[in-house]
Amino acid sequence: MNFKHAIGFMIIGAVFGLLPSLVPEWCPATGPDGSSTRALWLGLMSTVMISIALSYFGRRILGSLALLLEHGPAGAEEEAVPAFEVPAAEELAALVRVARQPGNGLAVAGAGIASPLPFSPTLVEPRRAA
């Protein structure tokens, strides 16, 4: 659903709600107490359609409010984020050597963590469909 659909639901729901009072000939009294089944049905559908539109608008409003509340006040001090330490070139080269050793199995993200299963190219290569 988008904004245009929600507006359409709201308009059609309002028309459904106003129809029994605008054109009473279309909703004759059929019940023993003078109620009209058509008027009751139009009132129910009006409530459902307007509720759907209002739920969409409410979700958009709450999303916008969440974005506004995500940031603190302008004068507030920001928390210090610890700096990410980049390992030295020698440490990186050692990690790459460990990950590339033969018989090491599958390495997870180049960290050199061995898998109990040997690496086989058929596990990752696509096969031809039948």
N, C-alpha and C. Protein backbone atom coordinates (compact mmCIF):
# COMPACT_ATOMS: atom_id res chain seq x y z
N MET A 1 0.84 -1.17 0.00
CA MET A 1 0.00 0.00 0.00
C MET A 1 0.89 1.23 0.00
N ASN A 2 0.47 2.24 -0.71
CA ASN A 2 1.19 3.50 -0.70
C ASN A 2 0.23 4.63 -0.30
N PHE A 3 0.73 5.85 -0.36
CA PHE A 3 -0.05 7.00 0.10
C PHE A 3 -1.33 7.18 -0.72
N LYS A 4 -1.24 7.00 -2.04
CA LYS A 4 -2.42 7.16 -2.90
C LYS A 4 -3.49 6.12 -2.56
N HIS A 5 -3.07 4.88 -2.32
CA HIS A 5 -4.04 3.84 -1.97
C HIS A 5 -4.73 4.15 -0.65
N ALA A 6 -3.96 4.64 0.31
CA ALA A 6 -4.54 4.96 1.62
C ALA A 6 -5.55 6.10 1.50
N ILE A 7 -5.25 7.10 0.68
CA ILE A 7 -6.21 8.19 0.46
C ILE A 7 -7.48 7.64 -0.21
N GLY A 8 -7.31 6.74 -1.17
CA GLY A 8 -8.46 6.12 -1.83
C GLY A 8 -9.30 5.33 -0.85
N PHE A 9 -8.67 4.55 0.03
CA PHE A 9 -9.42 3.80 1.03
C PHE A 9 -10.19 4.75 1.94
N MET A 10 -9.55 5.87 2.31
CA MET A 10 -10.20 6.84 3.20
C MET A 10 -11.42 7.46 2.52
N ILE A 11 -11.30 7.83 1.25
CA ILE A 11 -12.40 8.47 0.54
C ILE A 11 -13.55 7.49 0.32
N ILE A 12 -13.23 6.27 -0.13
CA ILE A 12 -14.29 5.28 -0.37
C ILE A 12 -14.97 4.89 0.95
N GLY A 13 -14.19 4.78 2.03
CA GLY A 13 -14.78 4.49 3.34
C GLY A 13 -15.71 5.59 3.79
N ALA A 14 -15.33 6.85 3.55
CA ALA A 14 -16.20 7.97 3.92
C ALA A 14 -17.48 7.96 3.09
N VAL A 15 -17.37 7.64 1.79
CA VAL A 15 -18.56 7.58 0.94
C VAL A 15 -19.47 6.46 1.41
N PHE A 16 -18.91 5.30 1.75
CA PHE A 16 -19.71 4.19 2.26
C PHE A 16 -20.44 4.59 3.54
N GLY A 17 -19.76 5.33 4.40
CA GLY A 17 -20.38 5.73 5.66
C GLY A 17 -21.48 6.76 5.47
N LEU A 18 -21.32 7.65 4.50
CA LEU A 18 -22.31 8.70 4.27
C LEU A 18 -23.45 8.27 3.34
N LEU A 19 -23.28 7.20 2.59
CA LEU A 19 -24.27 6.79 1.60
C LEU A 19 -25.66 6.53 2.19
N PRO A 20 -25.81 5.82 3.32
CA PRO A 20 -27.16 5.61 3.85
C PRO A 20 -27.87 6.90 4.25
N SER A 21 -27.13 7.91 4.69
CA SER A 21 -27.79 9.16 5.07
C SER A 21 -28.03 10.07 3.86
N LEU A 22 -27.19 9.96 2.82
CA LEU A 22 -27.37 10.78 1.62
C LEU A 22 -28.46 10.24 0.71
N VAL A 23 -28.53 8.92 0.57
CA VAL A 23 -29.52 8.29 -0.32
C VAL A 23 -30.27 7.22 0.49
N PRO A 24 -31.24 7.61 1.31
CA PRO A 24 -31.92 6.62 2.15
C PRO A 24 -32.79 5.64 1.36
N GLU A 25 -33.14 5.97 0.10
CA GLU A 25 -33.96 5.05 -0.70
C GLU A 25 -33.19 3.78 -1.04
N TRP A 26 -31.86 3.84 -1.07
CA TRP A 26 -31.05 2.67 -1.41
C TRP A 26 -30.92 1.72 -0.22
N CYS A 27 -31.27 2.17 0.96
CA CYS A 27 -31.13 1.35 2.16
C CYS A 27 -32.47 1.29 2.90
N PRO A 28 -33.45 0.53 2.35
CA PRO A 28 -34.76 0.49 3.00
C PRO A 28 -34.69 -0.29 4.32
N ALA A 29 -35.58 0.03 5.23
CA ALA A 29 -35.64 -0.66 6.52
C ALA A 29 -36.21 -2.06 6.30
N THR A 30 -35.41 -3.09 6.64
CA THR A 30 -35.85 -4.47 6.44
C THR A 30 -36.02 -5.22 7.75
N GLY A 31 -35.44 -4.73 8.81
CA GLY A 31 -35.52 -5.43 10.09
C GLY A 31 -36.78 -5.09 10.85
N PRO A 32 -37.15 -5.94 11.83
CA PRO A 32 -38.35 -5.66 12.62
C PRO A 32 -38.22 -4.40 13.47
N ASP A 33 -36.99 -3.99 13.76
CA ASP A 33 -36.79 -2.79 14.56
C ASP A 33 -36.54 -1.55 13.68
N GLY A 34 -36.71 -1.68 12.40
CA GLY A 34 -36.53 -0.54 11.50
C GLY A 34 -35.10 -0.36 11.01
N SER A 35 -34.23 -1.34 11.26
CA SER A 35 -32.84 -1.24 10.80
C SER A 35 -32.73 -1.74 9.37
N SER A 36 -31.66 -1.33 8.72
CA SER A 36 -31.41 -1.72 7.34
C SER A 36 -30.13 -2.54 7.27
N THR A 37 -30.23 -3.70 6.66
CA THR A 37 -29.05 -4.56 6.52
C THR A 37 -28.02 -3.89 5.63
N ARG A 38 -28.46 -3.24 4.59
CA ARG A 38 -27.52 -2.54 3.70
C ARG A 38 -26.79 -1.42 4.43
N ALA A 39 -27.53 -0.67 5.23
CA ALA A 39 -26.90 0.43 5.97
C ALA A 39 -25.89 -0.11 6.99
N LEU A 40 -26.24 -1.22 7.65
CA LEU A 40 -25.30 -1.82 8.60
C LEU A 40 -24.04 -2.32 7.90
N TRP A 41 -24.23 -2.95 6.72
CA TRP A 41 -23.09 -3.47 5.97
C TRP A 41 -22.20 -2.32 5.47
N LEU A 42 -22.82 -1.26 4.97
CA LEU A 42 -22.03 -0.11 4.51
C LEU A 42 -21.29 0.55 5.69
N GLY A 43 -21.91 0.60 6.85
CA GLY A 43 -21.24 1.15 8.02
C GLY A 43 -20.06 0.29 8.45
N LEU A 44 -20.21 -1.04 8.39
CA LEU A 44 -19.11 -1.94 8.73
C LEU A 44 -17.96 -1.80 7.74
N MET A 45 -18.27 -1.78 6.45
CA MET A 45 -17.23 -1.64 5.43
C MET A 45 -16.55 -0.28 5.52
N SER A 46 -17.32 0.74 5.86
CA SER A 46 -16.73 2.07 6.05
C SER A 46 -15.71 2.04 7.18
N THR A 47 -16.07 1.40 8.28
CA THR A 47 -15.16 1.31 9.43
C THR A 47 -13.90 0.53 9.07
N VAL A 48 -14.05 -0.56 8.34
CA VAL A 48 -12.89 -1.38 7.97
C VAL A 48 -11.96 -0.60 7.03
N MET A 49 -12.51 0.04 6.02
CA MET A 49 -11.67 0.75 5.05
C MET A 49 -10.97 1.95 5.68
N ILE A 50 -11.67 2.69 6.52
CA ILE A 50 -11.04 3.84 7.18
C ILE A 50 -9.98 3.35 8.16
N SER A 51 -10.21 2.22 8.83
CA SER A 51 -9.21 1.65 9.75
C SER A 51 -7.94 1.24 9.01
N ILE A 52 -8.09 0.67 7.83
CA ILE A 52 -6.92 0.28 7.03
C ILE A 52 -6.11 1.52 6.66
N ALA A 53 -6.80 2.57 6.21
CA ALA A 53 -6.11 3.81 5.84
C ALA A 53 -5.43 4.45 7.04
N LEU A 54 -6.12 4.48 8.18
CA LEU A 54 -5.54 5.08 9.39
C LEU A 54 -4.35 4.29 9.90
N SER A 55 -4.39 2.97 9.74
CA SER A 55 -3.24 2.17 10.18
C SER A 55 -2.02 2.47 9.31
N TYR A 56 -2.22 2.68 8.01
CA TYR A 56 -1.11 3.05 7.14
C TYR A 56 -0.54 4.41 7.53
N PHE A 57 -1.43 5.40 7.74
CA PHE A 57 -0.97 6.72 8.13
C PHE A 57 -0.27 6.68 9.49
N GLY A 58 -0.81 5.90 10.41
CA GLY A 58 -0.19 5.78 11.73
C GLY A 58 1.20 5.17 11.65
N ARG A 59 1.35 4.16 10.79
CA ARG A 59 2.66 3.52 10.63
C ARG A 59 3.66 4.50 10.05
N ARG A 60 3.22 5.32 9.09
CA ARG A 60 4.14 6.33 8.53
C ARG A 60 4.51 7.38 9.54
N ILE A 61 3.55 7.81 10.34
CA ILE A 61 3.82 8.82 11.35
C ILE A 61 4.77 8.28 12.41
N LEU A 62 4.54 7.04 12.85
CA LEU A 62 5.43 6.46 13.86
C LEU A 62 6.84 6.24 13.31
N GLY A 63 6.94 5.89 12.03
CA GLY A 63 8.27 5.75 11.42
C GLY A 63 9.01 7.07 11.37
N SER A 64 8.30 8.13 11.02
CA SER A 64 8.93 9.45 11.00
C SER A 64 9.31 9.91 12.39
N LEU A 65 8.46 9.61 13.36
CA LEU A 65 8.75 9.98 14.74
C LEU A 65 9.96 9.21 15.26
N ALA A 66 10.07 7.96 14.87
CA ALA A 66 11.24 7.17 15.28
C ALA A 66 12.53 7.74 14.71
N LEU A 67 12.49 8.22 13.47
CA LEU A 67 13.67 8.84 12.89
C LEU A 67 14.05 10.12 13.63
N LEU A 68 13.04 10.88 14.04
CA LEU A 68 13.32 12.10 14.79
C LEU A 68 13.91 11.80 16.16
N LEU A 69 13.41 10.75 16.81
CA LEU A 69 13.88 10.42 18.14
C LEU A 69 15.20 9.65 18.14
N GLU A 70 15.63 9.21 16.96
CA GLU A 70 16.87 8.44 16.88
C GLU A 70 18.08 9.30 17.23
N HIS A 71 18.03 10.56 16.90
CA HIS A 71 19.13 11.47 17.17
C HIS A 71 18.85 12.24 18.45
N GLY A 72 19.91 12.47 19.22
CA GLY A 72 19.77 13.21 20.47
C GLY A 72 19.63 14.70 20.21
N PRO A 73 19.49 15.49 21.28
CA PRO A 73 19.41 16.93 21.11
C PRO A 73 20.69 17.49 20.49
N ALA A 74 20.61 18.66 19.88
CA ALA A 74 21.74 19.23 19.16
C ALA A 74 22.91 19.54 20.07
N GLY A 75 22.66 19.93 21.32
CA GLY A 75 23.74 20.31 22.22
C GLY A 75 24.32 19.15 23.01
N ALA A 76 23.78 17.95 22.86
CA ALA A 76 24.25 16.82 23.67
C ALA A 76 25.62 16.35 23.19
N GLU A 77 26.44 15.93 24.15
CA GLU A 77 27.76 15.41 23.80
C GLU A 77 27.62 13.98 23.30
N GLU A 78 28.34 13.67 22.24
CA GLU A 78 28.30 12.31 21.71
C GLU A 78 29.28 11.44 22.46
N GLU A 79 28.91 10.18 22.60
CA GLU A 79 29.79 9.23 23.28
C GLU A 79 31.02 8.96 22.43
N ALA A 80 32.14 8.80 23.10
CA ALA A 80 33.37 8.51 22.38
C ALA A 80 33.34 7.06 21.90
N VAL A 81 33.56 6.85 20.63
CA VAL A 81 33.59 5.52 20.06
C VAL A 81 35.03 5.06 20.04
N PRO A 82 35.32 3.87 20.58
CA PRO A 82 36.71 3.42 20.56
C PRO A 82 37.20 3.23 19.13
N ALA A 83 38.42 3.64 18.88
CA ALA A 83 39.00 3.56 17.54
C ALA A 83 39.28 2.11 17.18
N PHE A 84 39.07 1.78 15.92
CA PHE A 84 39.36 0.45 15.43
C PHE A 84 40.86 0.36 15.13
N GLU A 85 41.51 -0.62 15.71
CA GLU A 85 42.95 -0.76 15.51
C GLU A 85 43.21 -1.69 14.34
N VAL A 86 43.93 -1.20 13.37
CA VAL A 86 44.29 -2.00 12.21
C VAL A 86 45.57 -2.76 12.55
N PRO A 87 45.57 -4.09 12.33
CA PRO A 87 46.78 -4.85 12.62
C PRO A 87 47.93 -4.44 11.69
N ALA A 88 49.13 -4.67 12.15
CA ALA A 88 50.32 -4.34 11.37
C ALA A 88 50.37 -5.22 10.13
N ALA A 89 51.16 -4.79 9.15
CA ALA A 89 51.27 -5.52 7.88
C ALA A 89 51.82 -6.93 8.10
N GLU A 90 52.74 -7.11 9.06
CA GLU A 90 53.31 -8.44 9.31
C GLU A 90 52.24 -9.39 9.84
N GLU A 91 51.36 -8.88 10.71
CA GLU A 91 50.29 -9.72 11.24
C GLU A 91 49.30 -10.12 10.15
N LEU A 92 48.98 -9.18 9.25
CA LEU A 92 48.08 -9.50 8.15
C LEU A 92 48.69 -10.53 7.21
N ALA A 93 49.98 -10.39 6.92
CA ALA A 93 50.65 -11.35 6.04
C ALA A 93 50.65 -12.73 6.68
N ALA A 94 50.85 -12.82 8.01
CA ALA A 94 50.83 -14.11 8.69
C ALA A 94 49.44 -14.74 8.61
N LEU A 95 48.39 -13.94 8.75
CA LEU A 95 47.04 -14.48 8.65
C LEU A 95 46.76 -15.01 7.25
N VAL A 96 47.22 -14.30 6.23
CA VAL A 96 47.02 -14.75 4.85
C VAL A 96 47.78 -16.05 4.60
N ARG A 97 49.02 -16.16 5.11
CA ARG A 97 49.79 -17.39 4.93
C ARG A 97 49.09 -18.57 5.59
N VAL A 98 48.55 -18.38 6.77
CA VAL A 98 47.86 -19.47 7.47
C VAL A 98 46.62 -19.89 6.69
N ALA A 99 45.90 -18.92 6.13
CA ALA A 99 44.68 -19.23 5.40
C ALA A 99 44.96 -19.93 4.09
N ARG A 100 46.16 -19.72 3.50
CA ARG A 100 46.46 -20.30 2.19
C ARG A 100 47.22 -21.60 2.26
N GLN A 101 47.49 -22.13 3.43
CA GLN A 101 48.24 -23.38 3.52
C GLN A 101 47.42 -24.52 2.94
N PRO A 102 48.06 -25.43 2.19
CA PRO A 102 47.32 -26.55 1.61
C PRO A 102 46.81 -27.49 2.71
N GLY A 103 45.64 -28.06 2.48
CA GLY A 103 45.06 -29.00 3.44
C GLY A 103 44.42 -28.30 4.62
N ASN A 104 44.27 -27.01 4.54
CA ASN A 104 43.72 -26.26 5.65
C ASN A 104 42.19 -26.31 5.65
N GLY A 105 41.57 -26.80 4.59
CA GLY A 105 40.11 -26.85 4.53
C GLY A 105 39.54 -25.49 4.18
N LEU A 106 38.29 -25.29 4.51
CA LEU A 106 37.64 -24.02 4.23
C LEU A 106 38.07 -22.99 5.26
N ALA A 107 38.50 -21.84 4.80
CA ALA A 107 38.88 -20.77 5.71
C ALA A 107 37.70 -19.81 5.83
N VAL A 108 37.37 -19.42 7.05
CA VAL A 108 36.25 -18.52 7.28
C VAL A 108 36.78 -17.10 7.24
N ALA A 109 36.38 -16.34 6.24
CA ALA A 109 36.74 -14.93 6.08
C ALA A 109 38.24 -14.72 6.16
N GLY A 110 39.02 -15.63 5.66
CA GLY A 110 40.47 -15.49 5.63
C GLY A 110 41.12 -15.59 6.98
N ALA A 111 40.42 -16.10 7.98
CA ALA A 111 40.97 -16.15 9.33
C ALA A 111 41.78 -17.42 9.56
N GLY A 112 41.79 -18.35 8.62
CA GLY A 112 42.56 -19.57 8.78
C GLY A 112 41.91 -20.59 9.69
N ILE A 113 40.60 -20.55 9.85
CA ILE A 113 39.89 -21.52 10.68
C ILE A 113 39.57 -22.72 9.80
N ALA A 114 40.06 -23.86 10.16
CA ALA A 114 39.90 -25.05 9.32
C ALA A 114 38.51 -25.65 9.51
N SER A 115 38.00 -26.22 8.43
CA SER A 115 36.72 -26.91 8.45
C SER A 115 36.97 -28.40 8.52
N PRO A 116 36.10 -29.18 9.15
CA PRO A 116 36.31 -30.62 9.17
C PRO A 116 36.14 -31.27 7.81
N LEU A 117 35.50 -30.57 6.87
CA LEU A 117 35.30 -31.11 5.53
C LEU A 117 36.33 -30.52 4.59
N PRO A 118 36.89 -31.34 3.68
CA PRO A 118 37.82 -30.78 2.70
C PRO A 118 37.07 -29.92 1.69
N PHE A 119 37.76 -28.93 1.17
CA PHE A 119 37.15 -28.04 0.18
C PHE A 119 37.08 -28.73 -1.16
N SER A 120 35.91 -28.67 -1.77
CA SER A 120 35.72 -29.26 -3.09
C SER A 120 35.05 -28.22 -3.97
N PRO A 121 35.60 -27.95 -5.16
CA PRO A 121 34.99 -26.92 -6.01
C PRO A 121 33.58 -27.27 -6.45
N THR A 122 33.21 -28.54 -6.43
CA THR A 122 31.85 -28.91 -6.86
C THR A 122 30.81 -28.45 -5.85
N LEU A 123 31.21 -28.10 -4.64
CA LEU A 123 30.25 -27.64 -3.65
C LEU A 123 29.79 -26.22 -3.95
N VAL A 124 30.61 -25.43 -4.62
CA VAL A 124 30.26 -24.05 -4.88
C VAL A 124 29.98 -23.74 -6.33
N GLU A 125 30.35 -24.62 -7.25
CA GLU A 125 30.10 -24.39 -8.67
C GLU A 125 28.67 -24.81 -9.02
N PRO A 126 27.99 -24.02 -9.84
CA PRO A 126 26.62 -24.41 -10.24
C PRO A 126 26.66 -25.61 -11.17
N ARG A 127 25.67 -26.44 -11.02
CA ARG A 127 25.55 -27.60 -11.89
C ARG A 127 24.54 -27.32 -12.98
N ARG A 128 24.66 -28.03 -14.06
CA ARG A 128 23.74 -27.87 -15.18
C ARG A 128 22.38 -28.46 -14.82
N ALA A 129 21.33 -27.73 -15.17
CA ALA A 129 19.98 -28.22 -14.92
C ALA A 129 19.65 -29.34 -15.89
N ALA A 130 18.82 -30.27 -15.45
CA ALA A 130 18.45 -31.39 -16.31
C ALA A 130 17.46 -31.00 -17.36
